[in-house]
Amino acid sequence: ESQIVVAANNITLTHTASALGRPIIDASGLGSTEIISLAPNS
């Protein structure tokens, strides 16, 4: 994933994976500590 920009208000990011194996967002190779950012006025 590159930087994920949320542009609309009240977007919900959720998962339906099992409790034992949740999805992982790994941004360690992007050179940034913030993979998800919010657009202005959101």
ModelCIF file with pLDDT and N, C-alpha, C, O atoms, coordinates in Angstrom:
data_MODEL
#
_entry.id   MODEL 
#
_entity.id                         1 
_entity.type                       polymer 
_entity.pdbx_number_of_molecules   1 
#
_entity_poly.entity_id                      1 
_entity_poly.type                           'polypeptide(L)' 
_entity_poly.nstd_linkage                   no 
_entity_poly.nstd_monomer                   no 
_entity_poly.pdbx_seq_one_letter_code       ESQIVVAANNITLTHTASALGRPIIDASGLGSTEIISLAPNS 
_entity_poly.pdbx_seq_one_letter_code_can   ESQIVVAANNITLTHTASALGRPIIDASGLGSTEIISLAPNS 
_entity_poly.pdbx_strand_id                 A 
#
loop_
_entity_poly_seq.entity_id 
_entity_poly_seq.num 
_entity_poly_seq.mon_id 
_entity_poly_seq.hetero 
1 1  GLU n 
1 2  SER n 
1 3  GLN n 
1 4  ILE n 
1 5  VAL n 
1 6  VAL n 
1 7  ALA n 
1 8  ALA n 
1 9  ASN n 
1 10 ASN n 
1 11 ILE n 
1 12 THR n 
1 13 LEU n 
1 14 THR n 
1 15 HIS n 
1 16 THR n 
1 17 ALA n 
1 18 SER n 
1 19 ALA n 
1 20 LEU n 
1 21 GLY n 
1 22 ARG n 
1 23 PRO n 
1 24 ILE n 
1 25 ILE n 
1 26 ASP n 
1 27 ALA n 
1 28 SER n 
1 29 GLY n 
1 30 LEU n 
1 31 GLY n 
1 32 SER n 
1 33 THR n 
1 34 GLU n 
1 35 ILE n 
1 36 ILE n 
1 37 SER n 
1 38 LEU n 
1 39 ALA n 
1 40 PRO n 
1 41 ASN n 
1 42 SER n 
#
_struct_asym.id          A 
_struct_asym.entity_id   1 
#
loop_
_ma_qa_metric.id 
_ma_qa_metric.mode 
_ma_qa_metric.name 
_ma_qa_metric.software_group_id 
_ma_qa_metric.type 
1 global pLDDT . pLDDT 
2 local  pLDDT . pLDDT 
#
_ma_qa_metric_global.metric_id      1 
_ma_qa_metric_global.metric_value   69.60 
_ma_qa_metric_global.model_id       1 
_ma_qa_metric_global.ordinal_id     1 
#
loop_
_ma_qa_metric_local.label_asym_id 
_ma_qa_metric_local.label_comp_id 
_ma_qa_metric_local.label_seq_id 
_ma_qa_metric_local.metric_id 
_ma_qa_metric_local.metric_value 
_ma_qa_metric_local.model_id 
_ma_qa_metric_local.ordinal_id 
A GLU 1  2 78.00 1 1  
A SER 2  2 70.00 1 2  
A GLN 3  2 72.00 1 3  
A ILE 4  2 78.00 1 4  
A VAL 5  2 77.00 1 5  
A VAL 6  2 79.00 1 6  
A ALA 7  2 77.00 1 7  
A ALA 8  2 77.00 1 8  
A ASN 9  2 78.00 1 9  
A ASN 10 2 85.00 1 10 
A ILE 11 2 87.00 1 11 
A THR 12 2 88.00 1 12 
A LEU 13 2 87.00 1 13 
A THR 14 2 88.00 1 14 
A HIS 15 2 88.00 1 15 
A THR 16 2 85.00 1 16 
A ALA 17 2 67.00 1 17 
A SER 18 2 65.00 1 18 
A ALA 19 2 64.00 1 19 
A LEU 20 2 65.00 1 20 
A GLY 21 2 72.00 1 21 
A ARG 22 2 80.00 1 22 
A PRO 23 2 84.00 1 23 
A ILE 24 2 80.00 1 24 
A ILE 25 2 78.00 1 25 
A ASP 26 2 74.00 1 26 
A ALA 27 2 67.00 1 27 
A SER 28 2 65.00 1 28 
A GLY 29 2 63.00 1 29 
A LEU 30 2 62.00 1 30 
A GLY 31 2 61.00 1 31 
A SER 32 2 57.00 1 32 
A THR 33 2 56.00 1 33 
A GLU 34 2 58.00 1 34 
A ILE 35 2 57.00 1 35 
A ILE 36 2 60.00 1 36 
A SER 37 2 55.00 1 37 
A LEU 38 2 50.00 1 38 
A ALA 39 2 51.00 1 39 
A PRO 40 2 48.00 1 40 
A ASN 41 2 46.00 1 41 
A SER 42 2 44.00 1 42 
#
loop_
_atom_site.group_PDB 
_atom_site.id 
_atom_site.type_symbol 
_atom_site.label_atom_id 
_atom_site.label_alt_id 
_atom_site.label_comp_id 
_atom_site.label_asym_id 
_atom_site.label_entity_id 
_atom_site.label_seq_id 
_atom_site.pdbx_PDB_ins_code 
_atom_site.Cartn_x 
_atom_site.Cartn_y 
_atom_site.Cartn_z 
_atom_site.occupancy 
_atom_site.B_iso_or_equiv 
_atom_site.pdbx_formal_charge 
_atom_site.auth_seq_id 
_atom_site.auth_comp_id 
_atom_site.auth_asym_id 
_atom_site.auth_atom_id 
_atom_site.pdbx_PDB_model_num 
ATOM 1   N N  . GLU A 1 1  ? 0.831   -1.198  0.000  1.00 78.00 ? 1  GLU A N  1 
ATOM 2   C CA . GLU A 1 1  ? 0.000   0.000   0.000  1.00 78.00 ? 1  GLU A CA 1 
ATOM 3   C C  . GLU A 1 1  ? 0.872   1.257   0.000  1.00 78.00 ? 1  GLU A C  1 
ATOM 4   O O  . GLU A 1 1  ? 1.868   1.340   0.719  1.00 78.00 ? 1  GLU A O  1 
ATOM 5   N N  . SER A 1 2  ? 0.484   2.214   -0.806 1.00 70.00 ? 2  SER A N  1 
ATOM 6   C CA . SER A 1 2  ? 1.100   3.535   -0.691 1.00 70.00 ? 2  SER A CA 1 
ATOM 7   C C  . SER A 1 2  ? 0.262   4.308   0.323  1.00 70.00 ? 2  SER A C  1 
ATOM 8   O O  . SER A 1 2  ? -0.595  3.719   0.983  1.00 70.00 ? 2  SER A O  1 
ATOM 9   N N  . GLN A 1 3  ? 0.484   5.581   0.458  1.00 72.00 ? 3  GLN A N  1 
ATOM 10  C CA . GLN A 1 3  ? -0.285  6.337   1.435  1.00 72.00 ? 3  GLN A CA 1 
ATOM 11  C C  . GLN A 1 3  ? -1.767  6.286   1.068  1.00 72.00 ? 3  GLN A C  1 
ATOM 12  O O  . GLN A 1 3  ? -2.134  6.505   -0.087 1.00 72.00 ? 3  GLN A O  1 
ATOM 13  N N  . ILE A 1 4  ? -2.595  6.003   2.030  1.00 78.00 ? 4  ILE A N  1 
ATOM 14  C CA . ILE A 1 4  ? -4.037  5.914   1.833  1.00 78.00 ? 4  ILE A CA 1 
ATOM 15  C C  . ILE A 1 4  ? -4.650  7.229   2.280  1.00 78.00 ? 4  ILE A C  1 
ATOM 16  O O  . ILE A 1 4  ? -4.541  7.600   3.448  1.00 78.00 ? 4  ILE A O  1 
ATOM 17  N N  . VAL A 1 5  ? -5.293  7.934   1.361  1.00 77.00 ? 5  VAL A N  1 
ATOM 18  C CA . VAL A 1 5  ? -5.889  9.235   1.672  1.00 77.00 ? 5  VAL A CA 1 
ATOM 19  C C  . VAL A 1 5  ? -7.405  9.088   1.727  1.00 77.00 ? 5  VAL A C  1 
ATOM 20  O O  . VAL A 1 5  ? -8.037  8.689   0.749  1.00 77.00 ? 5  VAL A O  1 
ATOM 21  N N  . VAL A 1 6  ? -7.979  9.414   2.882  1.00 79.00 ? 6  VAL A N  1 
ATOM 22  C CA . VAL A 1 6  ? -9.425  9.356   3.066  1.00 79.00 ? 6  VAL A CA 1 
ATOM 23  C C  . VAL A 1 6  ? -9.981  10.742  2.782  1.00 79.00 ? 6  VAL A C  1 
ATOM 24  O O  . VAL A 1 6  ? -9.700  11.693  3.510  1.00 79.00 ? 6  VAL A O  1 
ATOM 25  N N  . ALA A 1 7  ? -10.778 10.852  1.710  1.00 77.00 ? 7  ALA A N  1 
ATOM 26  C CA . ALA A 1 7  ? -11.258 12.164  1.279  1.00 77.00 ? 7  ALA A CA 1 
ATOM 27  C C  . ALA A 1 7  ? -12.678 12.472  1.729  1.00 77.00 ? 7  ALA A C  1 
ATOM 28  O O  . ALA A 1 7  ? -13.033 13.644  1.855  1.00 77.00 ? 7  ALA A O  1 
ATOM 29  N N  . ALA A 1 8  ? -13.498 11.462  1.973  1.00 77.00 ? 8  ALA A N  1 
ATOM 30  C CA . ALA A 1 8  ? -14.885 11.689  2.382  1.00 77.00 ? 8  ALA A CA 1 
ATOM 31  C C  . ALA A 1 8  ? -15.005 11.567  3.899  1.00 77.00 ? 8  ALA A C  1 
ATOM 32  O O  . ALA A 1 8  ? -14.149 10.967  4.549  1.00 77.00 ? 8  ALA A O  1 
ATOM 33  N N  . ASN A 1 9  ? -16.057 12.131  4.450  1.00 78.00 ? 9  ASN A N  1 
ATOM 34  C CA . ASN A 1 9  ? -16.292 12.055  5.889  1.00 78.00 ? 9  ASN A CA 1 
ATOM 35  C C  . ASN A 1 9  ? -16.877 10.711  6.281  1.00 78.00 ? 9  ASN A C  1 
ATOM 36  O O  . ASN A 1 9  ? -17.608 10.087  5.512  1.00 78.00 ? 9  ASN A O  1 
ATOM 37  N N  . ASN A 1 10 ? -16.546 10.276  7.485  1.00 85.00 ? 10 ASN A N  1 
ATOM 38  C CA . ASN A 1 10 ? -17.170 9.113   8.103  1.00 85.00 ? 10 ASN A CA 1 
ATOM 39  C C  . ASN A 1 10 ? -16.988 7.815   7.322  1.00 85.00 ? 10 ASN A C  1 
ATOM 40  O O  . ASN A 1 10 ? -17.884 6.971   7.325  1.00 85.00 ? 10 ASN A O  1 
ATOM 41  N N  . ILE A 1 11 ? -15.852 7.638   6.654  1.00 87.00 ? 11 ILE A N  1 
ATOM 42  C CA . ILE A 1 11 ? -15.542 6.371   6.014  1.00 87.00 ? 11 ILE A CA 1 
ATOM 43  C C  . ILE A 1 11 ? -15.153 5.382   7.114  1.00 87.00 ? 11 ILE A C  1 
ATOM 44  O O  . ILE A 1 11 ? -14.330 5.700   7.973  1.00 87.00 ? 11 ILE A O  1 
ATOM 45  N N  . THR A 1 12 ? -15.732 4.208   7.089  1.00 88.00 ? 12 THR A N  1 
ATOM 46  C CA . THR A 1 12 ? -15.407 3.178   8.072  1.00 88.00 ? 12 THR A CA 1 
ATOM 47  C C  . THR A 1 12 ? -14.517 2.137   7.418  1.00 88.00 ? 12 THR A C  1 
ATOM 48  O O  . THR A 1 12 ? -14.854 1.608   6.359  1.00 88.00 ? 12 THR A O  1 
ATOM 49  N N  . LEU A 1 13 ? -13.397 1.842   8.033  1.00 87.00 ? 13 LEU A N  1 
ATOM 50  C CA . LEU A 1 13 ? -12.482 0.788   7.593  1.00 87.00 ? 13 LEU A CA 1 
ATOM 51  C C  . LEU A 1 13 ? -12.616 -0.347  8.600  1.00 87.00 ? 13 LEU A C  1 
ATOM 52  O O  . LEU A 1 13 ? -12.317 -0.173  9.781  1.00 87.00 ? 13 LEU A O  1 
ATOM 53  N N  . THR A 1 14 ? -13.065 -1.509  8.132  1.00 88.00 ? 14 THR A N  1 
ATOM 54  C CA . THR A 1 14 ? -13.337 -2.626  9.028  1.00 88.00 ? 14 THR A CA 1 
ATOM 55  C C  . THR A 1 14 ? -12.859 -3.925  8.398  1.00 88.00 ? 14 THR A C  1 
ATOM 56  O O  . THR A 1 14 ? -12.393 -3.932  7.258  1.00 88.00 ? 14 THR A O  1 
ATOM 57  N N  . HIS A 1 15 ? -12.973 -5.023  9.135  1.00 88.00 ? 15 HIS A N  1 
ATOM 58  C CA . HIS A 1 15 ? -12.586 -6.317  8.593  1.00 88.00 ? 15 HIS A CA 1 
ATOM 59  C C  . HIS A 1 15 ? -13.548 -7.395  9.074  1.00 88.00 ? 15 HIS A C  1 
ATOM 60  O O  . HIS A 1 15 ? -14.210 -7.245  10.101 1.00 88.00 ? 15 HIS A O  1 
ATOM 61  N N  . THR A 1 16 ? -13.613 -8.484  8.315  1.00 85.00 ? 16 THR A N  1 
ATOM 62  C CA . THR A 1 16 ? -14.419 -9.634  8.705  1.00 85.00 ? 16 THR A CA 1 
ATOM 63  C C  . THR A 1 16 ? -13.552 -10.873 8.841  1.00 85.00 ? 16 THR A C  1 
ATOM 64  O O  . THR A 1 16 ? -14.063 -11.993 8.858  1.00 85.00 ? 16 THR A O  1 
ATOM 65  N N  . ALA A 1 17 ? -12.254 -10.682 8.937  1.00 67.00 ? 17 ALA A N  1 
ATOM 66  C CA . ALA A 1 17 ? -11.340 -11.806 9.149  1.00 67.00 ? 17 ALA A CA 1 
ATOM 67  C C  . ALA A 1 17 ? -11.543 -12.352 10.561 1.00 67.00 ? 17 ALA A C  1 
ATOM 68  O O  . ALA A 1 17 ? -12.132 -11.688 11.414 1.00 67.00 ? 17 ALA A O  1 
ATOM 69  N N  . SER A 1 18 ? -11.057 -13.548 10.796 1.00 65.00 ? 18 SER A N  1 
ATOM 70  C CA . SER A 1 18 ? -11.243 -14.167 12.115 1.00 65.00 ? 18 SER A CA 1 
ATOM 71  C C  . SER A 1 18 ? -10.435 -13.427 13.181 1.00 65.00 ? 18 SER A C  1 
ATOM 72  O O  . SER A 1 18 ? -9.502  -12.687 12.870 1.00 65.00 ? 18 SER A O  1 
ATOM 73  N N  . ALA A 1 19 ? -10.806 -13.637 14.421 1.00 64.00 ? 19 ALA A N  1 
ATOM 74  C CA . ALA A 1 19 ? -10.115 -12.987 15.536 1.00 64.00 ? 19 ALA A CA 1 
ATOM 75  C C  . ALA A 1 19 ? -8.670  -13.463 15.651 1.00 64.00 ? 19 ALA A C  1 
ATOM 76  O O  . ALA A 1 19 ? -7.839  -12.764 16.232 1.00 64.00 ? 19 ALA A O  1 
ATOM 77  N N  . LEU A 1 20 ? -8.362  -14.616 15.118 1.00 65.00 ? 20 LEU A N  1 
ATOM 78  C CA . LEU A 1 20 ? -7.006  -15.158 15.218 1.00 65.00 ? 20 LEU A CA 1 
ATOM 79  C C  . LEU A 1 20 ? -6.090  -14.670 14.096 1.00 65.00 ? 20 LEU A C  1 
ATOM 80  O O  . LEU A 1 20 ? -4.869  -14.769 14.216 1.00 65.00 ? 20 LEU A O  1 
ATOM 81  N N  . GLY A 1 21 ? -6.644  -14.158 13.035 1.00 72.00 ? 21 GLY A N  1 
ATOM 82  C CA . GLY A 1 21 ? -5.834  -13.761 11.900 1.00 72.00 ? 21 GLY A CA 1 
ATOM 83  C C  . GLY A 1 21 ? -6.308  -12.480 11.256 1.00 72.00 ? 21 GLY A C  1 
ATOM 84  O O  . GLY A 1 21 ? -6.756  -12.494 10.109 1.00 72.00 ? 21 GLY A O  1 
ATOM 85  N N  . ARG A 1 22 ? -6.221  -11.411 11.946 1.00 80.00 ? 22 ARG A N  1 
ATOM 86  C CA . ARG A 1 22 ? -6.679  -10.132 11.418 1.00 80.00 ? 22 ARG A CA 1 
ATOM 87  C C  . ARG A 1 22 ? -5.729  -9.619  10.338 1.00 80.00 ? 22 ARG A C  1 
ATOM 88  O O  . ARG A 1 22 ? -4.542  -9.943  10.352 1.00 80.00 ? 22 ARG A O  1 
ATOM 89  N N  . PRO A 1 23 ? -6.247  -8.816  9.397  1.00 84.00 ? 23 PRO A N  1 
ATOM 90  C CA . PRO A 1 23 ? -5.371  -8.233  8.376  1.00 84.00 ? 23 PRO A CA 1 
ATOM 91  C C  . PRO A 1 23 ? -4.380  -7.262  9.009  1.00 84.00 ? 23 PRO A C  1 
ATOM 92  O O  . PRO A 1 23 ? -4.660  -6.657  10.044 1.00 84.00 ? 23 PRO A O  1 
ATOM 93  N N  . ILE A 1 24 ? -3.218  -7.121  8.372  1.00 80.00 ? 24 ILE A N  1 
ATOM 94  C CA . ILE A 1 24 ? -2.161  -6.239  8.857  1.00 80.00 ? 24 ILE A CA 1 
ATOM 95  C C  . ILE A 1 24 ? -1.830  -5.242  7.765  1.00 80.00 ? 24 ILE A C  1 
ATOM 96  O O  . ILE A 1 24 ? -1.635  -5.626  6.611  1.00 80.00 ? 24 ILE A O  1 
ATOM 97  N N  . ILE A 1 25 ? -1.763  -3.959  8.117  1.00 78.00 ? 25 ILE A N  1 
ATOM 98  C CA . ILE A 1 25 ? -1.292  -2.926  7.198  1.00 78.00 ? 25 ILE A CA 1 
ATOM 99  C C  . ILE A 1 25 ? 0.135   -2.611  7.614  1.00 78.00 ? 25 ILE A C  1 
ATOM 100 O O  . ILE A 1 25 ? 0.364   -2.040  8.680  1.00 78.00 ? 25 ILE A O  1 
ATOM 101 N N  . ASP A 1 26 ? 1.099   -2.985  6.768  1.00 74.00 ? 26 ASP A N  1 
ATOM 102 C CA . ASP A 1 26 ? 2.519   -2.823  7.075  1.00 74.00 ? 26 ASP A CA 1 
ATOM 103 C C  . ASP A 1 26 ? 3.100   -1.696  6.228  1.00 74.00 ? 26 ASP A C  1 
ATOM 104 O O  . ASP A 1 26 ? 3.295   -1.849  5.022  1.00 74.00 ? 26 ASP A O  1 
ATOM 105 N N  . ALA A 1 27 ? 3.371   -0.574  6.868  1.00 67.00 ? 27 ALA A N  1 
ATOM 106 C CA . ALA A 1 27 ? 3.917   0.583   6.163  1.00 67.00 ? 27 ALA A CA 1 
ATOM 107 C C  . ALA A 1 27 ? 5.405   0.752   6.412  1.00 67.00 ? 27 ALA A C  1 
ATOM 108 O O  . ALA A 1 27 ? 5.955   1.818   6.134  1.00 67.00 ? 27 ALA A O  1 
ATOM 109 N N  . SER A 1 28 ? 6.064   -0.265  6.926  1.00 65.00 ? 28 SER A N  1 
ATOM 110 C CA . SER A 1 28 ? 7.463   -0.123  7.334  1.00 65.00 ? 28 SER A CA 1 
ATOM 111 C C  . SER A 1 28 ? 8.406   0.190   6.181  1.00 65.00 ? 28 SER A C  1 
ATOM 112 O O  . SER A 1 28 ? 9.442   0.820   6.394  1.00 65.00 ? 28 SER A O  1 
ATOM 113 N N  . GLY A 1 29 ? 8.078   -0.229  4.979  1.00 63.00 ? 29 GLY A N  1 
ATOM 114 C CA . GLY A 1 29 ? 8.962   0.023   3.852  1.00 63.00 ? 29 GLY A CA 1 
ATOM 115 C C  . GLY A 1 29 ? 8.678   1.307   3.106  1.00 63.00 ? 29 GLY A C  1 
ATOM 116 O O  . GLY A 1 29 ? 9.317   1.580   2.089  1.00 63.00 ? 29 GLY A O  1 
ATOM 117 N N  . LEU A 1 30 ? 7.735   2.105   3.584  1.00 62.00 ? 30 LEU A N  1 
ATOM 118 C CA . LEU A 1 30 ? 7.337   3.315   2.868  1.00 62.00 ? 30 LEU A CA 1 
ATOM 119 C C  . LEU A 1 30 ? 8.114   4.554   3.288  1.00 62.00 ? 30 LEU A C  1 
ATOM 120 O O  . LEU A 1 30 ? 7.979   5.605   2.660  1.00 62.00 ? 30 LEU A O  1 
ATOM 121 N N  . GLY A 1 31 ? 8.920   4.454   4.328  1.00 61.00 ? 31 GLY A N  1 
ATOM 122 C CA . GLY A 1 31 ? 9.673   5.608   4.783  1.00 61.00 ? 31 GLY A CA 1 
ATOM 123 C C  . GLY A 1 31 ? 8.810   6.647   5.483  1.00 61.00 ? 31 GLY A C  1 
ATOM 124 O O  . GLY A 1 31 ? 9.206   7.807   5.600  1.00 61.00 ? 31 GLY A O  1 
ATOM 125 N N  . SER A 1 32 ? 7.649   6.243   5.943  1.00 57.00 ? 32 SER A N  1 
ATOM 126 C CA . SER A 1 32 ? 6.731   7.154   6.603  1.00 57.00 ? 32 SER A CA 1 
ATOM 127 C C  . SER A 1 32 ? 6.140   6.441   7.808  1.00 57.00 ? 32 SER A C  1 
ATOM 128 O O  . SER A 1 32 ? 5.998   5.218   7.802  1.00 57.00 ? 32 SER A O  1 
ATOM 129 N N  . THR A 1 33 ? 5.803   7.183   8.821  1.00 56.00 ? 33 THR A N  1 
ATOM 130 C CA . THR A 1 33 ? 5.177   6.581   9.989  1.00 56.00 ? 33 THR A CA 1 
ATOM 131 C C  . THR A 1 33 ? 3.665   6.628   9.898  1.00 56.00 ? 33 THR A C  1 
ATOM 132 O O  . THR A 1 33 ? 2.980   6.042   10.736 1.00 56.00 ? 33 THR A O  1 
ATOM 133 N N  . GLU A 1 34 ? 3.132   7.311   8.902  1.00 58.00 ? 34 GLU A N  1 
ATOM 134 C CA . GLU A 1 34 ? 1.684   7.447   8.776  1.00 58.00 ? 34 GLU A CA 1 
ATOM 135 C C  . GLU A 1 34 ? 1.253   6.968   7.400  1.00 58.00 ? 34 GLU A C  1 
ATOM 136 O O  . GLU A 1 34 ? 1.512   7.630   6.395  1.00 58.00 ? 34 GLU A O  1 
ATOM 137 N N  . ILE A 1 35 ? 0.593   5.814   7.357  1.00 57.00 ? 35 ILE A N  1 
ATOM 138 C CA . ILE A 1 35 ? 0.130   5.299   6.078  1.00 57.00 ? 35 ILE A CA 1 
ATOM 139 C C  . ILE A 1 35 ? -1.245  5.847   5.714  1.00 57.00 ? 35 ILE A C  1 
ATOM 140 O O  . ILE A 1 35 ? -1.554  5.992   4.531  1.00 57.00 ? 35 ILE A O  1 
ATOM 141 N N  . ILE A 1 36 ? -2.070  6.152   6.704  1.00 60.00 ? 36 ILE A N  1 
ATOM 142 C CA . ILE A 1 36 ? -3.410  6.657   6.435  1.00 60.00 ? 36 ILE A CA 1 
ATOM 143 C C  . ILE A 1 36 ? -3.471  8.112   6.853  1.00 60.00 ? 36 ILE A C  1 
ATOM 144 O O  . ILE A 1 36 ? -3.151  8.454   7.992  1.00 60.00 ? 36 ILE A O  1 
ATOM 145 N N  . SER A 1 37 ? -3.884  8.972   5.925  1.00 55.00 ? 37 SER A N  1 
ATOM 146 C CA . SER A 1 37 ? -4.036  10.386  6.256  1.00 55.00 ? 37 SER A CA 1 
ATOM 147 C C  . SER A 1 37 ? -5.425  10.850  5.875  1.00 55.00 ? 37 SER A C  1 
ATOM 148 O O  . SER A 1 37 ? -6.092  10.247  5.034  1.00 55.00 ? 37 SER A O  1 
ATOM 149 N N  . LEU A 1 38 ? -5.845  11.914  6.496  1.00 50.00 ? 38 LEU A N  1 
ATOM 150 C CA . LEU A 1 38 ? -7.172  12.464  6.257  1.00 50.00 ? 38 LEU A CA 1 
ATOM 151 C C  . LEU A 1 38 ? -7.052  13.736  5.440  1.00 50.00 ? 38 LEU A C  1 
ATOM 152 O O  . LEU A 1 38 ? -6.209  14.589  5.717  1.00 50.00 ? 38 LEU A O  1 
ATOM 153 N N  . ALA A 1 39 ? -7.892  13.856  4.441  1.00 51.00 ? 39 ALA A N  1 
ATOM 154 C CA . ALA A 1 39 ? -7.893  15.052  3.600  1.00 51.00 ? 39 ALA A CA 1 
ATOM 155 C C  . ALA A 1 39 ? -8.435  16.228  4.415  1.00 51.00 ? 39 ALA A C  1 
ATOM 156 O O  . ALA A 1 39 ? -9.135  16.020  5.406  1.00 51.00 ? 39 ALA A O  1 
ATOM 157 N N  . PRO A 1 40 ? -8.120  17.455  4.008  1.00 48.00 ? 40 PRO A N  1 
ATOM 158 C CA . PRO A 1 40 ? -8.635  18.626  4.711  1.00 48.00 ? 40 PRO A CA 1 
ATOM 159 C C  . PRO A 1 40 ? -10.154 18.596  4.823  1.00 48.00 ? 40 PRO A C  1 
ATOM 160 O O  . PRO A 1 40 ? -10.838 18.111  3.921  1.00 48.00 ? 40 PRO A O  1 
ATOM 161 N N  . ASN A 1 41 ? -10.674 19.109  5.918  1.00 46.00 ? 41 ASN A N  1 
ATOM 162 C CA . ASN A 1 41 ? -12.108 19.210  6.185  1.00 46.00 ? 41 ASN A CA 1 
ATOM 163 C C  . ASN A 1 41 ? -12.780 17.868  6.392  1.00 46.00 ? 41 ASN A C  1 
ATOM 164 O O  . ASN A 1 41 ? -14.006 17.787  6.328  1.00 46.00 ? 41 ASN A O  1 
ATOM 165 N N  . SER A 1 42 ? -12.027 16.825  6.636  1.00 44.00 ? 42 SER A N  1 
ATOM 166 C CA . SER A 1 42 ? -12.655 15.531  6.892  1.00 44.00 ? 42 SER A CA 1 
ATOM 167 C C  . SER A 1 42 ? -12.614 15.226  8.379  1.00 44.00 ? 42 SER A C  1 
ATOM 168 O O  . SER A 1 42 ? -13.094 14.177  8.808  1.00 44.00 ? 42 SER A O  1 
#
